[in-house]
N, C-alpha and C. Protein backbone atom coordinates (compact mmCIF):
# COMPACT_ATOMS: atom_id res chain seq x y z
N UNK A 1 -60.77 58.77 -10.20
CA UNK A 1 -59.84 58.23 -9.22
C UNK A 1 -59.35 56.81 -9.66
N UNK A 2 -58.13 56.51 -9.47
CA UNK A 2 -57.57 55.24 -9.90
C UNK A 2 -57.74 54.27 -8.75
N UNK A 3 -58.22 53.10 -9.07
CA UNK A 3 -58.40 52.04 -8.07
C UNK A 3 -56.96 51.33 -7.97
N UNK A 4 -56.34 51.39 -6.83
CA UNK A 4 -55.02 50.82 -6.73
C UNK A 4 -54.98 49.35 -6.64
N UNK A 5 -56.13 48.69 -6.42
CA UNK A 5 -56.18 47.25 -6.37
C UNK A 5 -56.20 46.59 -7.72
N UNK A 6 -56.68 47.36 -8.75
CA UNK A 6 -56.70 46.77 -10.08
C UNK A 6 -55.36 46.95 -10.72
N UNK A 7 -54.85 45.89 -11.40
CA UNK A 7 -53.56 45.97 -12.09
C UNK A 7 -53.63 47.04 -13.20
N UNK A 8 -52.48 47.68 -13.37
CA UNK A 8 -52.41 48.65 -14.41
C UNK A 8 -52.23 47.95 -15.79
N UNK A 9 -53.03 48.37 -16.72
CA UNK A 9 -52.95 47.73 -18.05
C UNK A 9 -52.31 48.64 -18.99
N UNK A 10 -51.30 48.10 -19.71
CA UNK A 10 -50.56 48.93 -20.65
C UNK A 10 -50.93 48.47 -22.09
N UNK A 11 -51.01 49.47 -22.94
CA UNK A 11 -51.22 49.12 -24.30
C UNK A 11 -49.94 48.56 -24.91
N UNK A 12 -50.04 47.84 -26.02
CA UNK A 12 -48.83 47.28 -26.63
C UNK A 12 -47.85 48.34 -26.98
N UNK A 13 -48.36 49.42 -27.51
CA UNK A 13 -47.44 50.53 -27.96
C UNK A 13 -46.75 51.12 -26.74
N UNK A 14 -47.48 51.41 -25.69
CA UNK A 14 -46.87 51.97 -24.50
C UNK A 14 -45.80 50.99 -23.87
N UNK A 15 -46.16 49.72 -23.85
CA UNK A 15 -45.24 48.74 -23.34
C UNK A 15 -43.91 48.71 -24.20
N UNK A 16 -44.07 48.73 -25.54
CA UNK A 16 -42.94 48.78 -26.40
C UNK A 16 -42.02 49.99 -26.19
N UNK A 17 -42.74 51.16 -25.96
CA UNK A 17 -42.04 52.41 -25.79
C UNK A 17 -41.27 52.36 -24.45
N UNK A 18 -41.90 51.84 -23.36
CA UNK A 18 -41.26 51.77 -22.07
C UNK A 18 -40.03 50.83 -22.15
N UNK A 19 -40.18 49.73 -22.84
CA UNK A 19 -39.07 48.77 -22.97
C UNK A 19 -37.91 49.35 -23.77
N UNK A 20 -38.26 50.09 -24.81
CA UNK A 20 -37.23 50.73 -25.64
C UNK A 20 -36.44 51.74 -24.82
N UNK A 21 -37.15 52.55 -24.04
CA UNK A 21 -36.50 53.57 -23.18
C UNK A 21 -35.64 52.95 -22.15
N UNK A 22 -36.10 51.80 -21.57
CA UNK A 22 -35.28 51.13 -20.54
C UNK A 22 -34.01 50.58 -21.16
N UNK A 23 -34.11 50.03 -22.34
CA UNK A 23 -32.92 49.46 -22.95
C UNK A 23 -31.94 50.57 -23.35
N UNK A 24 -32.44 51.69 -23.91
CA UNK A 24 -31.60 52.79 -24.26
C UNK A 24 -30.94 53.35 -22.99
N UNK A 25 -31.64 53.50 -21.93
CA UNK A 25 -31.09 54.08 -20.70
C UNK A 25 -30.01 53.21 -20.15
N UNK A 26 -30.18 51.90 -20.34
CA UNK A 26 -29.16 50.86 -19.82
C UNK A 26 -27.80 51.10 -20.39
N UNK A 27 -27.76 51.46 -21.69
CA UNK A 27 -26.49 51.51 -22.40
C UNK A 27 -26.00 52.97 -22.59
N UNK A 28 -26.69 53.94 -22.01
CA UNK A 28 -26.30 55.32 -22.15
C UNK A 28 -25.01 55.59 -21.32
N UNK A 29 -24.00 56.16 -21.95
CA UNK A 29 -22.79 56.47 -21.22
C UNK A 29 -23.05 57.47 -20.10
N UNK A 30 -22.34 57.28 -18.95
CA UNK A 30 -22.51 58.14 -17.79
C UNK A 30 -21.12 58.65 -17.37
N UNK A 31 -20.63 59.66 -17.99
CA UNK A 31 -19.24 60.13 -17.77
C UNK A 31 -19.01 60.55 -16.28
N UNK A 32 -20.01 61.21 -15.65
CA UNK A 32 -19.75 61.66 -14.32
C UNK A 32 -19.71 60.46 -13.31
N UNK A 33 -20.51 59.47 -13.56
CA UNK A 33 -20.42 58.28 -12.73
C UNK A 33 -19.11 57.57 -12.90
N UNK A 34 -18.62 57.50 -14.12
CA UNK A 34 -17.30 56.84 -14.38
C UNK A 34 -16.22 57.68 -13.72
N UNK A 35 -16.25 58.96 -13.79
CA UNK A 35 -15.30 59.84 -13.13
C UNK A 35 -15.26 59.63 -11.62
N UNK A 36 -16.45 59.50 -11.10
CA UNK A 36 -16.59 59.23 -9.63
C UNK A 36 -15.94 57.87 -9.24
N UNK A 37 -16.14 56.90 -10.02
CA UNK A 37 -15.53 55.57 -9.76
C UNK A 37 -14.04 55.65 -9.81
N UNK A 38 -13.46 56.44 -10.79
CA UNK A 38 -12.03 56.58 -10.90
C UNK A 38 -11.47 57.28 -9.69
N UNK A 39 -12.17 58.39 -9.29
CA UNK A 39 -11.70 59.16 -8.08
C UNK A 39 -11.72 58.23 -6.85
N UNK A 40 -12.81 57.45 -6.68
CA UNK A 40 -12.89 56.54 -5.51
C UNK A 40 -11.79 55.54 -5.51
N UNK A 41 -11.43 54.94 -6.66
CA UNK A 41 -10.35 53.99 -6.73
C UNK A 41 -9.00 54.65 -6.39
N UNK A 42 -8.82 55.85 -6.90
CA UNK A 42 -7.60 56.60 -6.65
C UNK A 42 -7.48 56.89 -5.15
N UNK A 43 -8.59 57.28 -4.52
CA UNK A 43 -8.55 57.62 -3.08
C UNK A 43 -8.25 56.34 -2.26
N UNK A 44 -8.86 55.18 -2.67
CA UNK A 44 -8.61 53.93 -1.94
C UNK A 44 -7.15 53.51 -2.08
N UNK A 45 -6.57 53.69 -3.28
CA UNK A 45 -5.18 53.31 -3.45
C UNK A 45 -4.23 54.20 -2.65
N UNK A 46 -4.60 55.47 -2.65
CA UNK A 46 -3.73 56.43 -1.87
C UNK A 46 -3.86 56.14 -0.33
N UNK A 47 -5.04 55.80 0.10
CA UNK A 47 -5.24 55.48 1.46
C UNK A 47 -4.48 54.24 1.86
N UNK A 48 -4.57 53.22 0.96
CA UNK A 48 -3.83 51.97 1.23
C UNK A 48 -2.31 52.22 1.22
N UNK A 49 -1.89 53.01 0.24
CA UNK A 49 -0.41 53.37 0.18
C UNK A 49 0.02 54.10 1.41
N UNK A 50 -0.78 55.06 1.90
CA UNK A 50 -0.45 55.74 3.11
C UNK A 50 -0.39 54.90 4.35
N UNK A 51 -1.27 53.88 4.42
CA UNK A 51 -1.34 53.06 5.55
C UNK A 51 -0.05 52.14 5.56
N UNK A 52 0.32 51.70 4.36
CA UNK A 52 1.54 50.89 4.23
C UNK A 52 2.79 51.73 4.68
N UNK A 53 2.85 52.93 4.22
CA UNK A 53 4.07 53.75 4.59
C UNK A 53 4.11 54.09 6.03
N UNK A 54 2.94 54.39 6.62
CA UNK A 54 2.93 54.69 8.07
C UNK A 54 3.25 53.46 8.92
N UNK A 55 2.90 52.27 8.48
CA UNK A 55 3.22 51.05 9.09
C UNK A 55 4.74 50.80 9.02
N UNK A 56 5.35 51.11 7.91
CA UNK A 56 6.78 50.90 7.73
C UNK A 56 7.54 51.88 8.64
N UNK A 57 7.07 53.13 8.77
CA UNK A 57 7.69 54.09 9.62
C UNK A 57 7.67 53.71 11.08
N UNK A 58 6.57 53.07 11.49
CA UNK A 58 6.43 52.66 12.88
C UNK A 58 7.39 51.52 13.17
N UNK A 59 7.68 50.68 12.21
CA UNK A 59 8.58 49.54 12.47
C UNK A 59 10.06 49.99 12.54
N UNK A 60 10.35 51.09 11.87
CA UNK A 60 11.79 51.56 11.75
C UNK A 60 12.28 52.15 13.07
């Protein structure tokens, strides 16, 4: 059983491996996340555009 009060000790090799994986993960391209951001921006611009047009129609 692992004692949760004792700090976890990493070997140098394990620490290097974890750091390498974290750095690689940081720079890995994420096409679906990028696509989601593009769709969200498009939806915001369409919503803002629709609000502007509906405001102009109310004034006319």
